[in-house]
Each structure stands twice: as structure tokens, then as C-alpha cells.
Amino acid sequence: MQPLGTYDLYLNFFVATAMPLIILANLRSSVRNSPRNAFLWRDHANFMRTSMVIIALLSLWSMVQLAGHYGLASPAFVDWAMPAIGIPFLVAALVEIWFAARFLRQCLRARFAG
């Protein structure tokens, strides 16, 4: 694992702190009651669940990188964990693209239908 530069450290700290807060905010009922989020969670729940999984994997990736940088995790663990997180991230990203295409197709059909 290569040492992280200043920009990478700031970015990983931001991702490791902000992304779990975004997940918690989306799971609160007050945020779910906003019109846009209510629509997305009601009509496109799988799209939103997959989005939350992607955000969780992204924050876990940043946490592992920070743990490896500061010596809280061994380099062998970091080298093992990166593909173990990256492969499910790739699968979730492909599923997210599929759900996004279905969502876009549904929106375009509703728009042109009247």
C-alpha cells in the first residue's frame, strides 16, 4: 500500500465521516417524508437500497485505507481487504446502473405519455 498524500487523507476523512451520516439521514423518517425521497423509497426502493450499499462500501473502503495509513491495520490486511471490498462494490455498481436505467426509462415513458 502506498502512503496517502495530503489530498488523499482529506478526501478519505471526508468520505469516512460524511457518507455514514448520509446513510443515517436517509434512514430517518423525517427525511423519508420529503416528496422526492418518499417517491424514490416508495417506487424505487431497490435503487435506493443499492445506493445505500454503495455508499457504505465506499465509506468502508476509505476507513480501511485510513487504518492502513495510520498503522491500525497491517499492510497484509489492507491488501486483502481492498479486493474484498472492491468486488462487491463492482457488483453493486453494475446493479445500480441497471436500476438507474430502469428508473430513467420509467420516467421518460411517464413524461411522454402525458
C-alpha atoms as a PDB file:
ATOM      1  CA  MET A   1       0.000   0.000   0.000  1.00  0.00           C
ATOM      2  CA  GLN A   2       1.347   3.391  -0.959  1.00  0.00           C
ATOM      3  CA  PRO A   3       1.310   6.201   1.612  1.00  0.00           C
ATOM      4  CA  LEU A   4      -1.518   8.663   1.205  1.00  0.00           C
ATOM      5  CA  GLY A   5      -0.860  12.260   0.252  1.00  0.00           C
ATOM      6  CA  THR A   6      -2.480  15.261   1.909  1.00  0.00           C
ATOM      7  CA  TYR A   7      -5.321  15.430  -0.605  1.00  0.00           C
ATOM      8  CA  ASP A   8      -5.999  11.694  -0.249  1.00  0.00           C
ATOM      9  CA  LEU A   9      -6.074  11.988   3.532  1.00  0.00           C
ATOM     10  CA  TYR A  10      -8.564  14.853   3.460  1.00  0.00           C
ATOM     11  CA  LEU A  11     -10.699  13.054   0.913  1.00  0.00           C
ATOM     12  CA  ASN A  12     -10.708   9.787   2.874  1.00  0.00           C
ATOM     13  CA  PHE A  13     -11.525  11.583   6.133  1.00  0.00           C
ATOM     14  CA  PHE A  14     -14.403  13.370   4.432  1.00  0.00           C
ATOM     15  CA  VAL A  15     -15.757  10.172   2.889  1.00  0.00           C
ATOM     16  CA  ALA A  16     -15.325   8.171   6.115  1.00  0.00           C
ATOM     17  CA  THR A  17     -17.287  10.747   8.119  1.00  0.00           C
ATOM     18  CA  ALA A  18     -19.831  12.193   5.680  1.00  0.00           C
ATOM     19  CA  MET A  19     -21.046   9.040   3.954  1.00  0.00           C
ATOM     20  CA  PRO A  20     -22.263   7.246   7.112  1.00  0.00           C
ATOM     21  CA  LEU A  21     -24.078  10.456   8.043  1.00  0.00           C
ATOM     22  CA  ILE A  22     -25.774  10.434   4.637  1.00  0.00           C
ATOM     23  CA  ILE A  23     -26.888   6.847   5.225  1.00  0.00           C
ATOM     24  CA  LEU A  24     -28.265   7.712   8.661  1.00  0.00           C
ATOM     25  CA  ALA A  25     -30.040  10.754   7.286  1.00  0.00           C
ATOM     26  CA  ASN A  26     -31.700   8.686   4.559  1.00  0.00           C
ATOM     27  CA  LEU A  27     -32.911   6.133   7.065  1.00  0.00           C
ATOM     28  CA  ARG A  28     -34.579   8.743   9.292  1.00  0.00           C
ATOM     29  CA  SER A  29     -38.313   9.024   8.823  1.00  0.00           C
ATOM     30  CA  SER A  30     -38.268  12.837   8.665  1.00  0.00           C
ATOM     31  CA  VAL A  31     -36.046  12.785   5.583  1.00  0.00           C
ATOM     32  CA  ARG A  32     -38.021   9.952   4.009  1.00  0.00           C
ATOM     33  CA  ASN A  33     -41.170  12.075   4.194  1.00  0.00           C
ATOM     34  CA  SER A  34     -39.833  14.721   1.822  1.00  0.00           C
ATOM     35  CA  PRO A  35     -41.628  14.411  -1.533  1.00  0.00           C
ATOM     36  CA  ARG A  36     -38.643  13.333  -3.592  1.00  0.00           C
ATOM     37  CA  ASN A  37     -37.327  10.802  -1.079  1.00  0.00           C
ATOM     38  CA  ALA A  38     -40.812   9.450  -0.418  1.00  0.00           C
ATOM     39  CA  PHE A  39     -41.222   8.868  -4.160  1.00  0.00           C
ATOM     40  CA  LEU A  40     -37.827   7.201  -4.504  1.00  0.00           C
ATOM     41  CA  TRP A  41     -38.217   4.958  -1.454  1.00  0.00           C
ATOM     42  CA  ARG A  42     -41.787   4.032  -2.397  1.00  0.00           C
ATOM     43  CA  ASP A  43     -41.450   3.442  -6.135  1.00  0.00           C
ATOM     44  CA  HIS A  44     -37.742   2.642  -6.487  1.00  0.00           C
ATOM     45  CA  ALA A  45     -36.798   1.020  -3.190  1.00  0.00           C
ATOM     46  CA  ASN A  46     -34.218  -1.325  -4.743  1.00  0.00           C
ATOM     47  CA  PHE A  47     -32.467   1.618  -6.384  1.00  0.00           C
ATOM     48  CA  MET A  48     -32.249   3.403  -3.035  1.00  0.00           C
ATOM     49  CA  ARG A  49     -31.121   0.286  -1.157  1.00  0.00           C
ATOM     50  CA  THR A  50     -28.386  -0.318  -3.700  1.00  0.00           C
ATOM     51  CA  SER A  51     -27.332   3.319  -3.384  1.00  0.00           C
ATOM     52  CA  MET A  52     -27.015   2.915   0.386  1.00  0.00           C
ATOM     53  CA  VAL A  53     -24.930  -0.249  -0.075  1.00  0.00           C
ATOM     54  CA  ILE A  54     -22.612   1.586  -2.472  1.00  0.00           C
ATOM     55  CA  ILE A  55     -22.210   4.473  -0.033  1.00  0.00           C
ATOM     56  CA  ALA A  56     -21.497   2.021   2.802  1.00  0.00           C
ATOM     57  CA  LEU A  57     -18.866   0.184   0.755  1.00  0.00           C
ATOM     58  CA  LEU A  58     -17.275   3.469  -0.243  1.00  0.00           C
ATOM     59  CA  SER A  59     -17.016   4.622   3.363  1.00  0.00           C
ATOM     60  CA  LEU A  60     -15.642   1.222   4.407  1.00  0.00           C
ATOM     61  CA  TRP A  61     -13.015   1.495   1.652  1.00  0.00           C
ATOM     62  CA  SER A  62     -11.909   4.878   2.996  1.00  0.00           C
ATOM     63  CA  MET A  63     -11.839   3.626   6.581  1.00  0.00           C
ATOM     64  CA  VAL A  64      -9.628   0.685   5.631  1.00  0.00           C
ATOM     65  CA  GLN A  65      -7.276   2.980   3.733  1.00  0.00           C
ATOM     66  CA  LEU A  66      -7.030   5.310   6.727  1.00  0.00           C
ATOM     67  CA  ALA A  67      -6.488   2.396   9.104  1.00  0.00           C
ATOM     68  CA  GLY A  68      -3.682   1.116   6.890  1.00  0.00           C
ATOM     69  CA  HIS A  69      -2.124   4.571   6.590  1.00  0.00           C
ATOM     70  CA  TYR A  70      -2.046   5.158  10.338  1.00  0.00           C
ATOM     71  CA  GLY A  71      -0.898   1.622  11.177  1.00  0.00           C
ATOM     72  CA  LEU A  72      -4.139   0.456  12.775  1.00  0.00           C
ATOM     73  CA  ALA A  73      -4.359  -2.344  10.212  1.00  0.00           C
ATOM     74  CA  SER A  74      -1.499  -4.393   8.845  1.00  0.00           C
ATOM     75  CA  PRO A  75      -0.477  -3.971   5.207  1.00  0.00           C
ATOM     76  CA  ALA A  76      -1.406  -7.616   4.588  1.00  0.00           C
ATOM     77  CA  PHE A  77      -4.940  -6.964   5.853  1.00  0.00           C
ATOM     78  CA  VAL A  78      -5.250  -3.847   3.709  1.00  0.00           C
ATOM     79  CA  ASP A  79      -4.022  -5.737   0.645  1.00  0.00           C
ATOM     80  CA  TRP A  80      -6.611  -8.435   1.349  1.00  0.00           C
ATOM     81  CA  ALA A  81      -9.467  -6.048   2.227  1.00  0.00           C
ATOM     82  CA  MET A  82      -9.256  -3.812  -0.834  1.00  0.00           C
ATOM     83  CA  PRO A  83     -10.290  -6.529  -3.333  1.00  0.00           C
ATOM     84  CA  ALA A  84     -12.748  -7.938  -0.781  1.00  0.00           C
ATOM     85  CA  ILE A  85     -14.484  -4.548  -0.722  1.00  0.00           C
ATOM     86  CA  GLY A  86     -13.878  -3.711  -4.386  1.00  0.00           C
ATOM     87  CA  ILE A  87     -15.529  -6.775  -5.897  1.00  0.00           C
ATOM     88  CA  PRO A  88     -18.881  -6.294  -4.115  1.00  0.00           C
ATOM     89  CA  PHE A  89     -18.605  -2.593  -4.969  1.00  0.00           C
ATOM     90  CA  LEU A  90     -18.277  -3.508  -8.656  1.00  0.00           C
ATOM     91  CA  VAL A  91     -21.295  -5.811  -8.495  1.00  0.00           C
ATOM     92  CA  ALA A  92     -23.350  -3.175  -6.645  1.00  0.00           C
ATOM     93  CA  ALA A  93     -22.312  -0.544  -9.189  1.00  0.00           C
ATOM     94  CA  LEU A  94     -23.488  -2.722 -12.084  1.00  0.00           C
ATOM     95  CA  VAL A  95     -26.790  -3.368 -10.306  1.00  0.00           C
ATOM     96  CA  GLU A  96     -27.106   0.375  -9.636  1.00  0.00           C
ATOM     97  CA  ILE A  97     -26.623   1.114 -13.326  1.00  0.00           C
ATOM     98  CA  TRP A  98     -29.325  -1.419 -14.162  1.00  0.00           C
ATOM     99  CA  PHE A  99     -31.785   0.131 -11.670  1.00  0.00           C
ATOM    100  CA  ALA A 100     -30.906   3.631 -12.882  1.00  0.00           C
ATOM    101  CA  ALA A 101     -31.622   2.648 -16.487  1.00  0.00           C
ATOM    102  CA  ARG A 102     -34.988   1.181 -15.483  1.00  0.00           C
ATOM    103  CA  PHE A 103     -35.758   4.316 -13.444  1.00  0.00           C
ATOM    104  CA  LEU A 104     -34.843   6.602 -16.342  1.00  0.00           C
ATOM    105  CA  ARG A 105     -36.900   4.549 -18.796  1.00  0.00           C
ATOM    106  CA  GLN A 106     -39.902   4.710 -16.489  1.00  0.00           C
ATOM    107  CA  CYS A 107     -39.538   8.484 -16.065  1.00  0.00           C
ATOM    108  CA  LEU A 108     -39.243   9.044 -19.809  1.00  0.00           C
ATOM    109  CA  ARG A 109     -42.290   6.883 -20.512  1.00  0.00           C
ATOM    110  CA  ALA A 110     -44.327   8.807 -17.934  1.00  0.00           C
ATOM    111  CA  ARG A 111     -43.168  12.115 -19.352  1.00  0.00           C
ATOM    112  CA  PHE A 112     -44.039  11.287 -22.959  1.00  0.00           C
ATOM    113  CA  ALA A 113     -47.287   9.540 -22.051  1.00  0.00           C
ATOM    114  CA  GLY A 114     -48.786  12.752 -20.817  1.00  0.00           C
END
